[in-house]
Amino acid sequence: MNIGFLGCGNIAQAMIVGLLDSGLKPSSITVLTRNQKKKKFYEKNSIKRLAVSKANLAKFDFIFLCVKPADAKDAIEGSTINWGNTPLISVVAGISSQKLKKFANSEKVIRIMPTTSAEFGKSITAIYMAERTKKTNKKINSSPK
C-alpha cells in the first residue's frame, strides 16, 4: 500500500505516527510538500518526501489532503496528481465534498475528521463518502493488516 500526504501539519504528523505504530512500513508513506519545513520529522520517521510538482512520478492508493482550508484549492489544483485515479481523503474542515470533487475533477473524494490522538491509535474519526465512492474504493474500506 502506498499512501500520500499532501501537507504535513500537526494532524498529518499524528496520523503518520499512528500508521507507523500500527505496523505500516515507512516506505509506504510519502509526504508531498512544497518545502522542507518538516525535514526532521521525515528523517526521524524514515518517510519519503516528494515535491508536489513531482507527485505524478509516484503511484498512490490514496492521498490524504492535510492543508489549511484556505490552501486546499491551490494544493489540489496545483499538484500533478491524477485525481481521477487516486482517491482524495480530506481532513480539511469547512470544505464540502462537492467543492473538493470540483477542485480535483474527480468523484473519488472522502472526508474524514480525525483528532490528533490518531498518533496513539485512539482517534474518534468521522468519515463521509458518497455511496458510489464506497463501492469503488474497497481498499479504503478495509483496514491494513
N, C-alpha and C. Protein backbone atom coordinates (compact mmCIF):
# COMPACT_ATOMS: atom_id res chain seq x y z
N MET A 1 0.85 -1.18 0.00
CA MET A 1 0.00 0.00 0.00
C MET A 1 0.89 1.23 0.00
N ASN A 2 0.56 2.19 -0.85
CA ASN A 2 1.28 3.45 -0.90
C ASN A 2 0.33 4.59 -0.57
N ILE A 3 0.68 5.30 0.48
CA ILE A 3 -0.15 6.39 0.99
C ILE A 3 0.58 7.70 0.83
N GLY A 4 -0.11 8.70 0.30
CA GLY A 4 0.46 10.03 0.19
C GLY A 4 -0.21 10.98 1.16
N PHE A 5 0.54 11.94 1.62
CA PHE A 5 0.02 13.02 2.46
C PHE A 5 0.37 14.33 1.78
N LEU A 6 -0.65 15.07 1.38
CA LEU A 6 -0.45 16.39 0.78
C LEU A 6 -0.56 17.39 1.91
N GLY A 7 0.58 17.82 2.41
CA GLY A 7 0.65 18.66 3.61
C GLY A 7 1.10 17.81 4.79
N CYS A 8 1.80 18.45 5.73
CA CYS A 8 2.34 17.69 6.85
C CYS A 8 2.32 18.50 8.14
N GLY A 9 1.14 19.02 8.48
CA GLY A 9 0.98 19.75 9.74
C GLY A 9 0.74 18.80 10.89
N ASN A 10 0.19 19.31 11.97
CA ASN A 10 0.00 18.52 13.20
C ASN A 10 -0.85 17.28 13.00
N ILE A 11 -1.98 17.42 12.31
CA ILE A 11 -2.87 16.26 12.16
C ILE A 11 -2.24 15.21 11.24
N ALA A 12 -1.57 15.65 10.18
CA ALA A 12 -0.89 14.70 9.29
C ALA A 12 0.21 13.97 10.05
N GLN A 13 0.96 14.67 10.84
CA GLN A 13 2.03 14.03 11.61
C GLN A 13 1.47 13.03 12.61
N ALA A 14 0.37 13.38 13.26
CA ALA A 14 -0.26 12.45 14.21
C ALA A 14 -0.74 11.20 13.48
N MET A 15 -1.34 11.38 12.31
CA MET A 15 -1.83 10.24 11.54
C MET A 15 -0.67 9.35 11.08
N ILE A 16 0.41 9.98 10.62
CA ILE A 16 1.58 9.22 10.15
C ILE A 16 2.18 8.41 11.29
N VAL A 17 2.37 9.02 12.43
CA VAL A 17 2.94 8.29 13.58
C VAL A 17 2.02 7.14 13.98
N GLY A 18 0.72 7.38 13.98
CA GLY A 18 -0.24 6.32 14.30
C GLY A 18 -0.16 5.17 13.30
N LEU A 19 -0.06 5.49 12.02
CA LEU A 19 0.07 4.44 10.99
C LEU A 19 1.36 3.65 11.17
N LEU A 20 2.45 4.34 11.44
CA LEU A 20 3.73 3.66 11.64
C LEU A 20 3.68 2.77 12.88
N ASP A 21 3.09 3.28 13.95
CA ASP A 21 2.97 2.50 15.19
C ASP A 21 2.07 1.28 15.01
N SER A 22 1.15 1.35 14.05
CA SER A 22 0.25 0.22 13.81
C SER A 22 0.90 -0.86 12.94
N GLY A 23 2.11 -0.57 12.47
CA GLY A 23 2.84 -1.57 11.70
C GLY A 23 3.04 -1.25 10.23
N LEU A 24 2.50 -0.13 9.76
CA LEU A 24 2.72 0.24 8.36
C LEU A 24 4.19 0.61 8.17
N LYS A 25 4.79 0.15 7.12
CA LYS A 25 6.20 0.41 6.86
C LYS A 25 6.39 1.86 6.40
N PRO A 26 7.47 2.51 6.88
CA PRO A 26 7.74 3.89 6.45
C PRO A 26 7.84 4.03 4.94
N SER A 27 8.28 3.00 4.25
CA SER A 27 8.41 3.06 2.79
C SER A 27 7.05 3.16 2.10
N SER A 28 5.96 2.93 2.84
CA SER A 28 4.61 3.01 2.30
C SER A 28 4.04 4.43 2.34
N ILE A 29 4.78 5.34 2.97
CA ILE A 29 4.27 6.70 3.17
C ILE A 29 5.16 7.71 2.46
N THR A 30 4.52 8.61 1.72
CA THR A 30 5.24 9.71 1.07
C THR A 30 4.51 11.00 1.41
N VAL A 31 5.28 11.99 1.84
CA VAL A 31 4.71 13.31 2.11
C VAL A 31 5.00 14.19 0.91
N LEU A 32 3.95 14.77 0.35
CA LEU A 32 4.07 15.68 -0.78
C LEU A 32 4.04 17.11 -0.24
N THR A 33 5.14 17.82 -0.39
CA THR A 33 5.24 19.15 0.19
C THR A 33 5.82 20.15 -0.78
N ARG A 34 5.66 21.41 -0.42
CA ARG A 34 6.25 22.49 -1.21
C ARG A 34 7.58 22.95 -0.60
N ASN A 35 7.86 22.51 0.63
CA ASN A 35 9.07 23.00 1.29
C ASN A 35 9.64 21.92 2.22
N GLN A 36 10.74 22.23 2.86
CA GLN A 36 11.43 21.28 3.73
C GLN A 36 11.23 21.60 5.22
N LYS A 37 10.19 22.33 5.56
CA LYS A 37 9.99 22.75 6.95
C LYS A 37 9.98 21.60 7.96
N LYS A 38 9.48 20.47 7.56
CA LYS A 38 9.34 19.33 8.48
C LYS A 38 10.42 18.28 8.25
N LYS A 39 11.57 18.69 7.75
CA LYS A 39 12.64 17.77 7.39
C LYS A 39 13.01 16.82 8.54
N LYS A 40 13.10 17.34 9.74
CA LYS A 40 13.44 16.50 10.90
C LYS A 40 12.40 15.40 11.11
N PHE A 41 11.13 15.73 10.91
CA PHE A 41 10.06 14.74 11.07
C PHE A 41 10.21 13.63 10.04
N TYR A 42 10.48 13.99 8.77
CA TYR A 42 10.64 12.98 7.72
C TYR A 42 11.80 12.05 8.05
N GLU A 43 12.92 12.65 8.43
CA GLU A 43 14.12 11.86 8.72
C GLU A 43 13.94 10.98 9.95
N LYS A 44 13.37 11.54 11.01
CA LYS A 44 13.16 10.78 12.25
C LYS A 44 12.29 9.55 12.00
N ASN A 45 11.30 9.68 11.14
CA ASN A 45 10.36 8.59 10.89
C ASN A 45 10.66 7.80 9.61
N SER A 46 11.77 8.12 8.95
CA SER A 46 12.22 7.43 7.74
C SER A 46 11.17 7.41 6.64
N ILE A 47 10.43 8.51 6.51
CA ILE A 47 9.42 8.57 5.44
C ILE A 47 9.95 9.41 4.29
N LYS A 48 9.42 9.13 3.11
CA LYS A 48 9.86 9.82 1.90
C LYS A 48 9.19 11.18 1.79
N ARG A 49 9.91 12.09 1.18
CA ARG A 49 9.36 13.39 0.85
C ARG A 49 9.50 13.57 -0.65
N LEU A 50 8.45 14.08 -1.26
CA LEU A 50 8.45 14.32 -2.70
C LEU A 50 7.84 15.69 -2.94
N ALA A 51 8.47 16.46 -3.78
CA ALA A 51 7.92 17.79 -4.11
C ALA A 51 6.57 17.62 -4.78
N VAL A 52 5.63 18.47 -4.45
CA VAL A 52 4.28 18.42 -5.03
C VAL A 52 4.36 18.43 -6.55
N SER A 53 5.28 19.19 -7.08
CA SER A 53 5.41 19.29 -8.54
C SER A 53 5.84 17.98 -9.19
N LYS A 54 6.33 17.03 -8.39
CA LYS A 54 6.77 15.73 -8.93
C LYS A 54 5.86 14.58 -8.48
N ALA A 55 4.69 14.91 -7.96
CA ALA A 55 3.77 13.90 -7.43
C ALA A 55 3.35 12.88 -8.48
N ASN A 56 3.35 13.27 -9.73
CA ASN A 56 2.95 12.35 -10.80
C ASN A 56 3.98 11.23 -11.01
N LEU A 57 5.14 11.33 -10.39
CA LEU A 57 6.17 10.30 -10.52
C LEU A 57 5.91 9.10 -9.62
N ALA A 58 4.98 9.24 -8.69
CA ALA A 58 4.67 8.15 -7.75
C ALA A 58 3.23 7.70 -7.95
N LYS A 59 2.96 6.45 -7.57
CA LYS A 59 1.61 5.92 -7.64
C LYS A 59 1.11 5.73 -6.21
N PHE A 60 -0.06 6.24 -5.93
CA PHE A 60 -0.62 6.17 -4.58
C PHE A 60 -1.95 5.43 -4.61
N ASP A 61 -2.20 4.66 -3.55
CA ASP A 61 -3.50 4.02 -3.40
C ASP A 61 -4.53 5.07 -3.00
N PHE A 62 -4.10 6.04 -2.22
CA PHE A 62 -4.91 7.21 -1.88
C PHE A 62 -4.01 8.27 -1.27
N ILE A 63 -4.52 9.51 -1.23
CA ILE A 63 -3.76 10.63 -0.69
C ILE A 63 -4.63 11.38 0.31
N PHE A 64 -4.05 11.63 1.47
CA PHE A 64 -4.71 12.44 2.48
C PHE A 64 -4.40 13.91 2.20
N LEU A 65 -5.42 14.73 2.14
CA LEU A 65 -5.26 16.18 1.99
C LEU A 65 -5.24 16.77 3.39
N CYS A 66 -4.09 17.29 3.81
CA CYS A 66 -3.90 17.80 5.17
C CYS A 66 -3.33 19.21 5.15
N VAL A 67 -4.07 20.11 4.55
CA VAL A 67 -3.64 21.51 4.47
C VAL A 67 -4.69 22.40 5.13
N LYS A 68 -4.36 23.66 5.29
CA LYS A 68 -5.34 24.61 5.83
C LYS A 68 -6.44 24.84 4.80
N PRO A 69 -7.66 25.10 5.27
CA PRO A 69 -8.77 25.31 4.34
C PRO A 69 -8.48 26.33 3.24
N ALA A 70 -7.81 27.40 3.58
CA ALA A 70 -7.52 28.44 2.59
C ALA A 70 -6.56 27.95 1.50
N ASP A 71 -5.82 26.89 1.79
CA ASP A 71 -4.83 26.37 0.83
C ASP A 71 -5.32 25.15 0.05
N ALA A 72 -6.49 24.63 0.37
CA ALA A 72 -6.95 23.37 -0.22
C ALA A 72 -7.09 23.43 -1.74
N LYS A 73 -7.75 24.44 -2.24
CA LYS A 73 -7.98 24.53 -3.70
C LYS A 73 -6.65 24.58 -4.45
N ASP A 74 -5.74 25.44 -4.01
CA ASP A 74 -4.45 25.56 -4.68
C ASP A 74 -3.62 24.29 -4.54
N ALA A 75 -3.72 23.62 -3.38
CA ALA A 75 -2.96 22.38 -3.18
C ALA A 75 -3.42 21.29 -4.14
N ILE A 76 -4.73 21.18 -4.31
CA ILE A 76 -5.27 20.15 -5.20
C ILE A 76 -5.00 20.50 -6.67
N GLU A 77 -5.38 21.71 -7.06
CA GLU A 77 -5.26 22.11 -8.46
C GLU A 77 -3.80 22.33 -8.87
N GLY A 78 -2.96 22.68 -7.92
CA GLY A 78 -1.56 22.95 -8.23
C GLY A 78 -0.67 21.71 -8.22
N SER A 79 -1.23 20.58 -7.87
CA SER A 79 -0.44 19.35 -7.84
C SER A 79 -0.45 18.70 -9.22
N THR A 80 0.43 17.74 -9.41
CA THR A 80 0.47 17.00 -10.68
C THR A 80 -0.18 15.62 -10.52
N ILE A 81 -1.00 15.48 -9.49
CA ILE A 81 -1.65 14.21 -9.18
C ILE A 81 -2.81 13.97 -10.13
N ASN A 82 -2.94 12.76 -10.60
CA ASN A 82 -4.09 12.37 -11.43
C ASN A 82 -5.21 11.96 -10.46
N TRP A 83 -6.04 12.91 -10.09
CA TRP A 83 -7.08 12.65 -9.08
C TRP A 83 -8.15 11.71 -9.60
N GLY A 84 -8.27 11.55 -10.89
CA GLY A 84 -9.24 10.60 -11.43
C GLY A 84 -8.91 9.17 -11.06
N ASN A 85 -7.63 8.89 -10.85
CA ASN A 85 -7.17 7.55 -10.49
C ASN A 85 -6.82 7.41 -9.02
N THR A 86 -6.71 8.50 -8.30
CA THR A 86 -6.24 8.48 -6.92
C THR A 86 -7.30 9.05 -5.99
N PRO A 87 -7.87 8.24 -5.11
CA PRO A 87 -8.84 8.78 -4.16
C PRO A 87 -8.23 9.85 -3.25
N LEU A 88 -9.00 10.89 -3.04
CA LEU A 88 -8.62 12.01 -2.18
C LEU A 88 -9.35 11.85 -0.85
N ILE A 89 -8.60 11.79 0.24
CA ILE A 89 -9.20 11.72 1.57
C ILE A 89 -8.84 13.02 2.27
N SER A 90 -9.83 13.85 2.49
CA SER A 90 -9.60 15.18 3.02
C SER A 90 -9.85 15.24 4.53
N VAL A 91 -8.89 15.85 5.24
CA VAL A 91 -9.09 16.15 6.66
C VAL A 91 -9.35 17.64 6.85
N VAL A 92 -9.54 18.35 5.74
CA VAL A 92 -9.73 19.79 5.76
C VAL A 92 -11.15 20.13 6.21
N ALA A 93 -11.27 20.92 7.24
CA ALA A 93 -12.58 21.33 7.75
C ALA A 93 -13.16 22.45 6.90
N GLY A 94 -14.48 22.44 6.76
CA GLY A 94 -15.17 23.56 6.15
C GLY A 94 -15.22 23.58 4.63
N ILE A 95 -14.73 22.55 3.98
CA ILE A 95 -14.82 22.49 2.52
C ILE A 95 -15.65 21.26 2.16
N SER A 96 -16.74 21.49 1.49
CA SER A 96 -17.68 20.41 1.18
C SER A 96 -17.09 19.38 0.22
N SER A 97 -17.67 18.21 0.23
CA SER A 97 -17.27 17.16 -0.71
C SER A 97 -17.46 17.63 -2.14
N GLN A 98 -18.53 18.36 -2.39
CA GLN A 98 -18.80 18.86 -3.75
C GLN A 98 -17.68 19.78 -4.23
N LYS A 99 -17.22 20.66 -3.37
CA LYS A 99 -16.13 21.56 -3.76
C LYS A 99 -14.85 20.77 -3.99
N LEU A 100 -14.58 19.82 -3.12
CA LEU A 100 -13.37 19.00 -3.28
C LEU A 100 -13.41 18.22 -4.59
N LYS A 101 -14.58 17.68 -4.93
CA LYS A 101 -14.74 16.96 -6.19
C LYS A 101 -14.48 17.88 -7.38
N LYS A 102 -14.97 19.11 -7.27
CA LYS A 102 -14.76 20.08 -8.35
C LYS A 102 -13.28 20.43 -8.48
N PHE A 103 -12.61 20.70 -7.35
CA PHE A 103 -11.19 21.04 -7.38
C PHE A 103 -10.36 19.91 -8.00
N ALA A 104 -10.69 18.66 -7.61
CA ALA A 104 -9.92 17.50 -8.06
C ALA A 104 -10.40 16.96 -9.40
N ASN A 105 -11.56 17.43 -9.85
CA ASN A 105 -12.18 16.90 -11.07
C ASN A 105 -12.31 15.38 -10.97
N SER A 106 -12.84 14.95 -9.82
CA SER A 106 -12.95 13.52 -9.55
C SER A 106 -14.10 13.27 -8.57
N GLU A 107 -14.71 12.12 -8.70
CA GLU A 107 -15.76 11.69 -7.78
C GLU A 107 -15.18 10.96 -6.57
N LYS A 108 -13.89 10.62 -6.63
CA LYS A 108 -13.26 9.80 -5.59
C LYS A 108 -12.80 10.67 -4.42
N VAL A 109 -13.77 11.19 -3.67
CA VAL A 109 -13.48 12.07 -2.54
C VAL A 109 -14.12 11.52 -1.28
N ILE A 110 -13.33 11.50 -0.23
CA ILE A 110 -13.79 11.06 1.08
C ILE A 110 -13.38 12.13 2.07
N ARG A 111 -14.28 12.46 2.98
CA ARG A 111 -13.95 13.44 4.03
C ARG A 111 -13.86 12.72 5.36
N ILE A 112 -12.83 13.05 6.12
CA ILE A 112 -12.69 12.49 7.47
C ILE A 112 -12.35 13.61 8.44
N MET A 113 -12.68 13.40 9.68
CA MET A 113 -12.35 14.35 10.73
C MET A 113 -11.70 13.60 11.90
N PRO A 114 -10.40 13.33 11.80
CA PRO A 114 -9.72 12.66 12.91
C PRO A 114 -9.31 13.69 13.96
N THR A 115 -8.79 13.20 15.06
CA THR A 115 -8.21 14.06 16.09
C THR A 115 -6.73 13.72 16.20
N THR A 116 -5.97 14.57 16.86
CA THR A 116 -4.54 14.32 16.99
C THR A 116 -4.23 13.09 17.82
N SER A 117 -5.22 12.53 18.50
CA SER A 117 -4.99 11.28 19.23
C SER A 117 -4.82 10.10 18.27
N ALA A 118 -4.93 10.37 16.97
CA ALA A 118 -4.63 9.34 15.95
C ALA A 118 -3.19 8.87 16.12
N GLU A 119 -2.35 9.74 16.64
CA GLU A 119 -0.95 9.39 16.89
C GLU A 119 -0.84 8.16 17.78
N PHE A 120 -1.82 7.99 18.67
CA PHE A 120 -1.80 6.88 19.62
C PHE A 120 -2.80 5.78 19.26
N GLY A 121 -3.38 5.90 18.07
CA GLY A 121 -4.38 4.92 17.64
C GLY A 121 -5.68 5.05 18.41
N LYS A 122 -5.97 6.25 18.91
CA LYS A 122 -7.14 6.47 19.77
C LYS A 122 -8.08 7.54 19.26
N SER A 123 -8.01 7.86 17.99
CA SER A 123 -8.84 8.93 17.44
C SER A 123 -10.25 8.44 17.14
N ILE A 124 -11.20 9.22 17.55
CA ILE A 124 -12.57 9.01 17.07
C ILE A 124 -12.63 9.80 15.78
N THR A 125 -12.89 9.13 14.67
CA THR A 125 -12.82 9.76 13.37
C THR A 125 -14.15 9.66 12.64
N ALA A 126 -14.70 10.80 12.29
CA ALA A 126 -15.91 10.82 11.48
C ALA A 126 -15.49 10.63 10.03
N ILE A 127 -16.26 9.81 9.29
CA ILE A 127 -15.94 9.52 7.89
C ILE A 127 -17.19 9.73 7.05
N TYR A 128 -17.02 10.42 5.91
CA TYR A 128 -18.13 10.59 4.99
C TYR A 128 -17.66 10.32 3.57
N MET A 129 -18.43 9.49 2.87
CA MET A 129 -18.20 9.30 1.44
C MET A 129 -19.53 8.98 0.79
N ALA A 130 -19.65 9.39 -0.46
CA ALA A 130 -20.86 9.11 -1.21
C ALA A 130 -20.97 7.60 -1.43
N GLU A 131 -22.18 7.11 -1.59
CA GLU A 131 -22.42 5.67 -1.74
C GLU A 131 -21.61 5.08 -2.89
N ARG A 132 -21.54 5.78 -4.03
CA ARG A 132 -20.78 5.23 -5.17
C ARG A 132 -19.28 5.20 -4.86
N THR A 133 -18.80 6.11 -4.01
CA THR A 133 -17.39 6.09 -3.62
C THR A 133 -17.10 4.86 -2.77
N LYS A 134 -18.03 4.49 -1.89
CA LYS A 134 -17.86 3.29 -1.07
C LYS A 134 -17.68 2.06 -1.93
N LYS A 135 -18.47 1.97 -2.98
CA LYS A 135 -18.44 0.79 -3.84
C LYS A 135 -17.17 0.69 -4.66
N THR A 136 -16.57 1.81 -5.01
CA THR A 136 -15.40 1.79 -5.88
C THR A 136 -14.07 1.85 -5.13
N ASN A 137 -14.11 1.99 -3.82
CA ASN A 137 -12.87 2.12 -3.05
C ASN A 137 -12.77 1.05 -1.96
N LYS A 138 -12.74 -0.19 -2.34
CA LYS A 138 -12.67 -1.28 -1.38
C LYS A 138 -11.40 -1.25 -0.55
N LYS A 139 -10.28 -0.75 -1.11
CA LYS A 139 -9.02 -0.68 -0.37
C LYS A 139 -9.18 0.22 0.85
N ILE A 140 -9.92 1.30 0.69
CA ILE A 140 -10.07 2.25 1.78
C ILE A 140 -11.01 1.69 2.85
N ASN A 141 -11.96 0.89 2.43
CA ASN A 141 -12.94 0.35 3.37
C ASN A 141 -12.40 -0.76 4.25
N SER A 142 -11.26 -1.33 3.91
CA SER A 142 -10.67 -2.37 4.75
C SER A 142 -9.37 -1.86 5.33
N SER A 143 -9.20 -2.08 6.61
CA SER A 143 -8.02 -1.55 7.28
C SER A 143 -6.79 -2.40 6.97
N PRO A 144 -5.59 -1.77 6.96
CA PRO A 144 -4.36 -2.53 6.69
C PRO A 144 -4.09 -3.53 7.81
N LYS A 145 -3.58 -4.67 7.45
CA LYS A 145 -3.28 -5.71 8.44
C LYS A 145 -1.81 -5.75 8.70
